[in-house]
């Protein structure tokens, strides 16, 4: 009987591992699961090369049929004798897996920006950037990387000033990454085009890590 229980436990563990790897290999991470997993806060360390330069916090709050997401990022960088700062806060409201509205304020090294974006009855977005109305491309999504939904869109908008990016996403493969204090299985995706990002998502859609270049420097966000 003990041997049978051991064999069942081993089989169960193997089956769970296979299911996780299957999710990583056969499609996009489950963004619905990421949004519907209950209140949680994800904190990312921001690195320039190997040096910590800031943090980003993502607060996910399900509210009935909606999900409120609050993102706060702070970066302080010193290169030679020059100091750079970046402060960003945005609030996203999702409904049924679709972005319903977003507001974002940014201090980009002394240059302020504000974005207001809201979905109208026709499914298009009304967009106001720094007080000026703009037309948002149909099907565009802000470059909001916490959700793998960003991988499904060919047109993205900067979360700083709503600059449009034409992109394509491709799957690189299943990998392991060190994030959240442990080694985890992840699906590696890459966004290419007007903006480039490498992204690693867990099977439940949680962003574990992202990496890109800025001004020639490697920038990495990794889940703490």
C-alpha atoms as a PDB file:
ATOM      1  CA  UNK A   1       0.000   0.000   0.000  1.00  0.00           C
ATOM      2  CA  UNK A   2       2.831   2.409   0.889  1.00  0.00           C
ATOM      3  CA  UNK A   3       4.532   1.608  -2.407  1.00  0.00           C
ATOM      4  CA  UNK A   4       1.259   2.275  -4.260  1.00  0.00           C
ATOM      5  CA  UNK A   5       0.880   5.690  -2.560  1.00  0.00           C
ATOM      6  CA  UNK A   6       4.479   6.560  -3.460  1.00  0.00           C
ATOM      7  CA  UNK A   7       3.938   5.578  -7.082  1.00  0.00           C
ATOM      8  CA  UNK A   8       0.725   7.637  -7.242  1.00  0.00           C
ATOM      9  CA  UNK A   9       2.459  10.665  -5.755  1.00  0.00           C
ATOM     10  CA  UNK A  10       5.305  10.313  -8.248  1.00  0.00           C
ATOM     11  CA  UNK A  11       2.836   9.992 -11.113  1.00  0.00           C
ATOM     12  CA  UNK A  12       0.887  13.020  -9.882  1.00  0.00           C
ATOM     13  CA  UNK A  13       4.054  15.133  -9.691  1.00  0.00           C
ATOM     14  CA  UNK A  14       5.103  14.005 -13.161  1.00  0.00           C
ATOM     15  CA  UNK A  15       1.649  14.791 -14.545  1.00  0.00           C
ATOM     16  CA  UNK A  16       1.674  18.269 -12.974  1.00  0.00           C
ATOM     17  CA  UNK A  17       5.127  18.940 -14.422  1.00  0.00           C
ATOM     18  CA  UNK A  18       3.943  17.820 -17.837  1.00  0.00           C
ATOM     19  CA  UNK A  19       0.886  20.077 -17.638  1.00  0.00           C
ATOM     20  CA  UNK A  20       3.009  23.083 -16.697  1.00  0.00           C
ATOM     21  CA  UNK A  21       5.492  22.445 -19.493  1.00  0.00           C
ATOM     22  CA  UNK A  22       2.602  21.882 -21.897  1.00  0.00           C
ATOM     23  CA  UNK A  23       1.163  25.286 -21.030  1.00  0.00           C
ATOM     24  CA  UNK A  24       4.553  26.879 -21.607  1.00  0.00           C
ATOM     25  CA  UNK A  25       5.088  25.196 -24.954  1.00  0.00           C
ATOM     26  CA  UNK A  26       1.660  25.232 -26.595  1.00  0.00           C
ATOM     27  CA  UNK A  27       0.426  28.802 -26.372  1.00  0.00           C
ATOM     28  CA  UNK A  28       0.348  32.145 -24.637  1.00  0.00           C
ATOM     29  CA  UNK A  29       0.297  32.271 -20.840  1.00  0.00           C
ATOM     30  CA  UNK A  30      -3.145  32.499 -19.274  1.00  0.00           C
ATOM     31  CA  UNK A  31      -3.736  36.237 -18.834  1.00  0.00           C
ATOM     32  CA  UNK A  32      -7.245  35.581 -17.490  1.00  0.00           C
ATOM     33  CA  UNK A  33      -5.719  33.578 -14.647  1.00  0.00           C
ATOM     34  CA  UNK A  34      -3.248  36.363 -13.951  1.00  0.00           C
ATOM     35  CA  UNK A  35      -6.094  38.872 -13.619  1.00  0.00           C
ATOM     36  CA  UNK A  36      -8.448  36.628 -11.666  1.00  0.00           C
ATOM     37  CA  UNK A  37      -6.096  35.197  -9.060  1.00  0.00           C
ATOM     38  CA  UNK A  38      -7.195  37.576  -6.283  1.00  0.00           C
ATOM     39  CA  UNK A  39      -5.549  40.690  -4.882  1.00  0.00           C
ATOM     40  CA  UNK A  40      -1.791  40.581  -5.232  1.00  0.00           C
ATOM     41  CA  UNK A  41       1.189  42.869  -5.513  1.00  0.00           C
ATOM     42  CA  UNK A  42       4.156  42.095  -7.751  1.00  0.00           C
ATOM     43  CA  UNK A  43       7.409  43.946  -7.086  1.00  0.00           C
ATOM     44  CA  UNK A  44      10.187  44.062  -9.670  1.00  0.00           C
ATOM     45  CA  UNK A  45      13.774  45.124  -9.210  1.00  0.00           C
ATOM     46  CA  UNK A  46      15.096  47.264 -12.066  1.00  0.00           C
ATOM     47  CA  UNK A  47      18.709  46.647 -13.048  1.00  0.00           C
ATOM     48  CA  UNK A  48      21.007  48.539 -15.393  1.00  0.00           C
ATOM     49  CA  UNK A  49      23.562  45.917 -16.249  1.00  0.00           C
ATOM     50  CA  UNK A  50      23.978  44.285 -12.840  1.00  0.00           C
ATOM     51  CA  UNK A  51      23.366  47.474 -10.827  1.00  0.00           C
ATOM     52  CA  UNK A  52      19.982  48.039  -9.124  1.00  0.00           C
ATOM     53  CA  UNK A  53      18.548  51.403 -10.194  1.00  0.00           C
ATOM     54  CA  UNK A  54      14.899  51.251  -9.173  1.00  0.00           C
ATOM     55  CA  UNK A  55      11.698  49.283  -8.588  1.00  0.00           C
ATOM     56  CA  UNK A  56       8.339  48.751 -10.246  1.00  0.00           C
ATOM     57  CA  UNK A  57       5.266  47.627  -8.316  1.00  0.00           C
ATOM     58  CA  UNK A  58       2.171  46.144  -9.954  1.00  0.00           C
ATOM     59  CA  UNK A  59      -0.967  45.950  -7.793  1.00  0.00           C
ATOM     60  CA  UNK A  60      -3.730  43.700  -9.229  1.00  0.00           C
ATOM     61  CA  UNK A  61      -7.186  44.031  -7.638  1.00  0.00           C
ATOM     62  CA  UNK A  62     -10.177  42.051  -9.002  1.00  0.00           C
ATOM     63  CA  UNK A  63     -13.413  44.030  -8.507  1.00  0.00           C
ATOM     64  CA  UNK A  64     -16.344  41.886  -9.585  1.00  0.00           C
ATOM     65  CA  UNK A  65     -16.295  41.654 -13.376  1.00  0.00           C
ATOM     66  CA  UNK A  66     -13.471  44.201 -13.536  1.00  0.00           C
ATOM     67  CA  UNK A  67      -9.822  44.222 -12.573  1.00  0.00           C
ATOM     68  CA  UNK A  68      -7.984  47.327 -11.395  1.00  0.00           C
ATOM     69  CA  UNK A  69      -4.235  47.414 -11.960  1.00  0.00           C
ATOM     70  CA  UNK A  70      -1.994  50.086 -10.455  1.00  0.00           C
ATOM     71  CA  UNK A  71       1.607  50.364 -11.643  1.00  0.00           C
ATOM     72  CA  UNK A  72       4.211  52.508  -9.866  1.00  0.00           C
ATOM     73  CA  UNK A  73       7.807  52.749 -11.083  1.00  0.00           C
ATOM     74  CA  UNK A  74      10.773  54.743  -9.804  1.00  0.00           C
ATOM     75  CA  UNK A  75      14.253  54.813 -11.325  1.00  0.00           C
ATOM     76  CA  UNK A  76      17.350  56.742 -10.291  1.00  0.00           C
ATOM     77  CA  UNK A  77      20.448  56.443 -12.489  1.00  0.00           C
ATOM     78  CA  UNK A  78      23.833  58.149 -12.256  1.00  0.00           C
ATOM     79  CA  UNK A  79      26.088  57.980 -15.311  1.00  0.00           C
ATOM     80  CA  UNK A  80      29.422  59.701 -14.784  1.00  0.00           C
ATOM     81  CA  UNK A  81      28.400  63.031 -13.212  1.00  0.00           C
ATOM     82  CA  UNK A  82      24.871  63.124 -14.614  1.00  0.00           C
ATOM     83  CA  UNK A  83      21.799  61.997 -12.652  1.00  0.00           C
ATOM     84  CA  UNK A  84      18.645  60.740 -14.381  1.00  0.00           C
ATOM     85  CA  UNK A  85      15.272  60.168 -12.778  1.00  0.00           C
ATOM     86  CA  UNK A  86      12.061  58.498 -13.889  1.00  0.00           C
ATOM     87  CA  UNK A  87       8.794  58.370 -11.946  1.00  0.00           C
ATOM     88  CA  UNK A  88       5.707  56.739 -13.424  1.00  0.00           C
ATOM     89  CA  UNK A  89       2.266  55.851 -12.143  1.00  0.00           C
ATOM     90  CA  UNK A  90      -0.673  54.488 -14.062  1.00  0.00           C
ATOM     91  CA  UNK A  91      -4.042  52.959 -13.337  1.00  0.00           C
ATOM     92  CA  UNK A  92      -5.637  50.441 -15.686  1.00  0.00           C
ATOM     93  CA  UNK A  93      -9.202  49.149 -15.548  1.00  0.00           C
ATOM     94  CA  UNK A  94      -9.884  45.859 -17.336  1.00  0.00           C
ATOM     95  CA  UNK A  95     -13.256  44.289 -18.072  1.00  0.00           C
ATOM     96  CA  UNK A  96     -13.718  40.821 -19.502  1.00  0.00           C
ATOM     97  CA  UNK A  97     -10.056  40.627 -20.452  1.00  0.00           C
ATOM     98  CA  UNK A  98     -10.232  43.948 -22.355  1.00  0.00           C
ATOM     99  CA  UNK A  99      -8.629  47.208 -21.284  1.00  0.00           C
ATOM    100  CA  UNK A 100     -11.492  49.601 -20.497  1.00  0.00           C
ATOM    101  CA  UNK A 101      -9.499  52.668 -19.455  1.00  0.00           C
ATOM    102  CA  UNK A 102      -6.054  53.862 -18.438  1.00  0.00           C
ATOM    103  CA  UNK A 103      -4.573  56.984 -16.886  1.00  0.00           C
ATOM    104  CA  UNK A 104      -0.807  57.510 -16.620  1.00  0.00           C
ATOM    105  CA  UNK A 105       1.412  60.275 -15.276  1.00  0.00           C
ATOM    106  CA  UNK A 106       5.172  60.338 -15.807  1.00  0.00           C
ATOM    107  CA  UNK A 107       8.101  62.521 -14.835  1.00  0.00           C
ATOM    108  CA  UNK A 108      10.654  61.549 -17.462  1.00  0.00           C
ATOM    109  CA  UNK A 109      13.796  63.219 -16.102  1.00  0.00           C
ATOM    110  CA  UNK A 110      11.973  66.510 -15.562  1.00  0.00           C
ATOM    111  CA  UNK A 111       9.600  66.274 -18.539  1.00  0.00           C
ATOM    112  CA  UNK A 112       6.000  65.644 -17.386  1.00  0.00           C
ATOM    113  CA  UNK A 113       3.505  63.600 -19.367  1.00  0.00           C
ATOM    114  CA  UNK A 114      -0.103  62.597 -18.800  1.00  0.00           C
ATOM    115  CA  UNK A 115      -2.197  60.070 -20.736  1.00  0.00           C
ATOM    116  CA  UNK A 116      -5.952  59.475 -20.466  1.00  0.00           C
ATOM    117  CA  UNK A 117      -7.367  56.586 -22.468  1.00  0.00           C
ATOM    118  CA  UNK A 118     -10.955  55.277 -22.409  1.00  0.00           C
ATOM    119  CA  UNK A 119     -12.857  52.772 -24.513  1.00  0.00           C
ATOM    120  CA  UNK A 120     -16.034  54.071 -26.217  1.00  0.00           C
ATOM    121  CA  UNK A 121     -19.206  52.193 -27.147  1.00  0.00           C
ATOM    122  CA  UNK A 122     -17.799  51.351 -30.574  1.00  0.00           C
ATOM    123  CA  UNK A 123     -14.759  49.594 -29.096  1.00  0.00           C
ATOM    124  CA  UNK A 124     -12.347  52.392 -30.034  1.00  0.00           C
ATOM    125  CA  UNK A 125     -10.283  54.361 -27.537  1.00  0.00           C
ATOM    126  CA  UNK A 126     -10.549  58.065 -26.810  1.00  0.00           C
ATOM    127  CA  UNK A 127      -7.016  59.264 -26.154  1.00  0.00           C
ATOM    128  CA  UNK A 128      -5.777  62.482 -24.573  1.00  0.00           C
ATOM    129  CA  UNK A 129      -2.022  63.067 -24.299  1.00  0.00           C
ATOM    130  CA  UNK A 130      -0.675  66.053 -22.380  1.00  0.00           C
ATOM    131  CA  UNK A 131      -4.051  67.752 -22.725  1.00  0.00           C
ATOM    132  CA  UNK A 132      -4.402  67.167 -26.475  1.00  0.00           C
ATOM    133  CA  UNK A 133      -6.900  64.762 -28.030  1.00  0.00           C
ATOM    134  CA  UNK A 134      -5.419  62.124 -30.288  1.00  0.00           C
ATOM    135  CA  UNK A 135      -6.777  59.246 -32.320  1.00  0.00           C
ATOM    136  CA  UNK A 136      -5.815  55.836 -30.992  1.00  0.00           C
ATOM    137  CA  UNK A 137      -5.316  53.118 -33.613  1.00  0.00           C
ATOM    138  CA  UNK A 138      -8.042  50.469 -33.557  1.00  0.00           C
ATOM    139  CA  UNK A 139      -6.843  47.431 -31.641  1.00  0.00           C
ATOM    140  CA  UNK A 140      -3.910  49.256 -30.049  1.00  0.00           C
ATOM    141  CA  UNK A 141      -2.852  48.473 -26.505  1.00  0.00           C
ATOM    142  CA  UNK A 142      -0.484  50.368 -24.212  1.00  0.00           C
ATOM    143  CA  UNK A 143       2.906  48.753 -23.638  1.00  0.00           C
ATOM    144  CA  UNK A 144       1.708  47.257 -20.375  1.00  0.00           C
ATOM    145  CA  UNK A 145       3.975  44.266 -19.928  1.00  0.00           C
ATOM    146  CA  UNK A 146       2.523  42.742 -16.747  1.00  0.00           C
ATOM    147  CA  UNK A 147      -0.103  40.975 -18.903  1.00  0.00           C
ATOM    148  CA  UNK A 148       0.669  38.587 -21.805  1.00  0.00           C
ATOM    149  CA  UNK A 149      -2.225  40.223 -23.684  1.00  0.00           C
ATOM    150  CA  UNK A 150       0.439  42.630 -24.920  1.00  0.00           C
ATOM    151  CA  UNK A 151       1.760  39.792 -27.100  1.00  0.00           C
ATOM    152  CA  UNK A 152      -1.474  39.646 -29.117  1.00  0.00           C
ATOM    153  CA  UNK A 153      -1.331  43.184 -30.517  1.00  0.00           C
ATOM    154  CA  UNK A 154       0.438  44.499 -33.614  1.00  0.00           C
ATOM    155  CA  UNK A 155       0.154  48.125 -32.486  1.00  0.00           C
ATOM    156  CA  UNK A 156       1.253  49.279 -29.042  1.00  0.00           C
ATOM    157  CA  UNK A 157       1.398  52.700 -27.397  1.00  0.00           C
ATOM    158  CA  UNK A 158       4.096  54.084 -25.124  1.00  0.00           C
ATOM    159  CA  UNK A 159       2.846  54.370 -21.534  1.00  0.00           C
ATOM    160  CA  UNK A 160       4.827  57.632 -21.256  1.00  0.00           C
ATOM    161  CA  UNK A 161       3.604  59.721 -24.199  1.00  0.00           C
ATOM    162  CA  UNK A 162       1.424  57.303 -26.245  1.00  0.00           C
ATOM    163  CA  UNK A 163       3.925  57.165 -29.124  1.00  0.00           C
ATOM    164  CA  UNK A 164       2.724  54.402 -31.521  1.00  0.00           C
ATOM    165  CA  UNK A 165       4.782  51.269 -32.089  1.00  0.00           C
ATOM    166  CA  UNK A 166       4.251  48.723 -34.855  1.00  0.00           C
ATOM    167  CA  UNK A 167       5.422  45.359 -33.552  1.00  0.00           C
ATOM    168  CA  UNK A 168       5.289  41.602 -33.916  1.00  0.00           C
ATOM    169  CA  UNK A 169       5.641  39.069 -31.114  1.00  0.00           C
ATOM    170  CA  UNK A 170       7.197  35.645 -31.431  1.00  0.00           C
ATOM    171  CA  UNK A 171       7.732  32.759 -29.096  1.00  0.00           C
ATOM    172  CA  UNK A 172      11.359  31.923 -28.333  1.00  0.00           C
ATOM    173  CA  UNK A 173      10.724  28.813 -26.228  1.00  0.00           C
ATOM    174  CA  UNK A 174      10.465  27.338 -22.745  1.00  0.00           C
ATOM    175  CA  UNK A 175      13.232  28.310 -20.332  1.00  0.00           C
ATOM    176  CA  UNK A 176      13.974  28.512 -16.627  1.00  0.00           C
ATOM    177  CA  UNK A 177      14.556  31.888 -14.959  1.00  0.00           C
ATOM    178  CA  UNK A 178      15.461  32.957 -11.452  1.00  0.00           C
ATOM    179  CA  UNK A 179      12.628  35.169 -10.247  1.00  0.00           C
ATOM    180  CA  UNK A 180      10.561  35.564  -7.114  1.00  0.00           C
ATOM    181  CA  UNK A 181      13.395  34.096  -5.064  1.00  0.00           C
ATOM    182  CA  UNK A 182      13.449  30.759  -6.904  1.00  0.00           C
ATOM    183  CA  UNK A 183      14.090  29.101 -10.258  1.00  0.00           C
ATOM    184  CA  UNK A 184      10.885  28.915 -12.278  1.00  0.00           C
ATOM    185  CA  UNK A 185       9.717  27.502 -15.599  1.00  0.00           C
ATOM    186  CA  UNK A 186       8.871  30.284 -18.039  1.00  0.00           C
ATOM    187  CA  UNK A 187       7.723  30.951 -21.592  1.00  0.00           C
ATOM    188  CA  UNK A 188      10.172  33.288 -23.329  1.00  0.00           C
ATOM    189  CA  UNK A 189       8.574  35.681 -25.849  1.00  0.00           C
ATOM    190  CA  UNK A 190      10.098  38.512 -27.831  1.00  0.00           C
ATOM    191  CA  UNK A 191       8.455  41.701 -29.096  1.00  0.00           C
ATOM    192  CA  UNK A 192      10.208  43.139 -32.160  1.00  0.00           C
ATOM    193  CA  UNK A 193       9.703  46.170 -34.367  1.00  0.00           C
ATOM    194  CA  UNK A 194       9.512  49.825 -33.343  1.00  0.00           C
ATOM    195  CA  UNK A 195      10.086  48.709 -29.752  1.00  0.00           C
ATOM    196  CA  UNK A 196      11.816  45.548 -28.543  1.00  0.00           C
ATOM    197  CA  UNK A 197      11.307  43.566 -25.358  1.00  0.00           C
ATOM    198  CA  UNK A 198      12.249  40.076 -24.170  1.00  0.00           C
ATOM    199  CA  UNK A 199       9.590  38.746 -21.805  1.00  0.00           C
ATOM    200  CA  UNK A 200       9.374  35.679 -19.583  1.00  0.00           C
ATOM    201  CA  UNK A 201       5.934  34.641 -18.315  1.00  0.00           C
ATOM    202  CA  UNK A 202       4.943  31.873 -15.907  1.00  0.00           C
ATOM    203  CA  UNK A 203       2.248  29.397 -16.970  1.00  0.00           C
ATOM    204  CA  UNK A 204      -0.397  31.429 -15.087  1.00  0.00           C
ATOM    205  CA  UNK A 205       0.507  34.603 -17.011  1.00  0.00           C
ATOM    206  CA  UNK A 206       2.605  36.246 -14.306  1.00  0.00           C
ATOM    207  CA  UNK A 207       5.447  38.324 -15.729  1.00  0.00           C
ATOM    208  CA  UNK A 208       8.661  36.999 -14.211  1.00  0.00           C
ATOM    209  CA  UNK A 209      11.237  39.037 -16.095  1.00  0.00           C
ATOM    210  CA  UNK A 210      11.691  41.501 -18.942  1.00  0.00           C
ATOM    211  CA  UNK A 211      14.842  42.755 -20.624  1.00  0.00           C
ATOM    212  CA  UNK A 212      15.611  45.459 -23.207  1.00  0.00           C
ATOM    213  CA  UNK A 213      18.229  48.010 -24.180  1.00  0.00           C
ATOM    214  CA  UNK A 214      18.033  51.717 -23.471  1.00  0.00           C
ATOM    215  CA  UNK A 215      20.729  54.183 -24.548  1.00  0.00           C
ATOM    216  CA  UNK A 216      23.052  51.223 -25.100  1.00  0.00           C
ATOM    217  CA  UNK A 217      22.544  49.798 -21.604  1.00  0.00           C
ATOM    218  CA  UNK A 218      20.936  46.450 -20.722  1.00  0.00           C
ATOM    219  CA  UNK A 219      17.841  47.078 -18.582  1.00  0.00           C
ATOM    220  CA  UNK A 220      16.239  44.168 -16.736  1.00  0.00           C
ATOM    221  CA  UNK A 221      13.105  43.974 -14.625  1.00  0.00           C
ATOM    222  CA  UNK A 222      12.969  40.834 -12.459  1.00  0.00           C
ATOM    223  CA  UNK A 223      10.302  39.723  -9.995  1.00  0.00           C
ATOM    224  CA  UNK A 224      11.529  39.932  -6.407  1.00  0.00           C
END
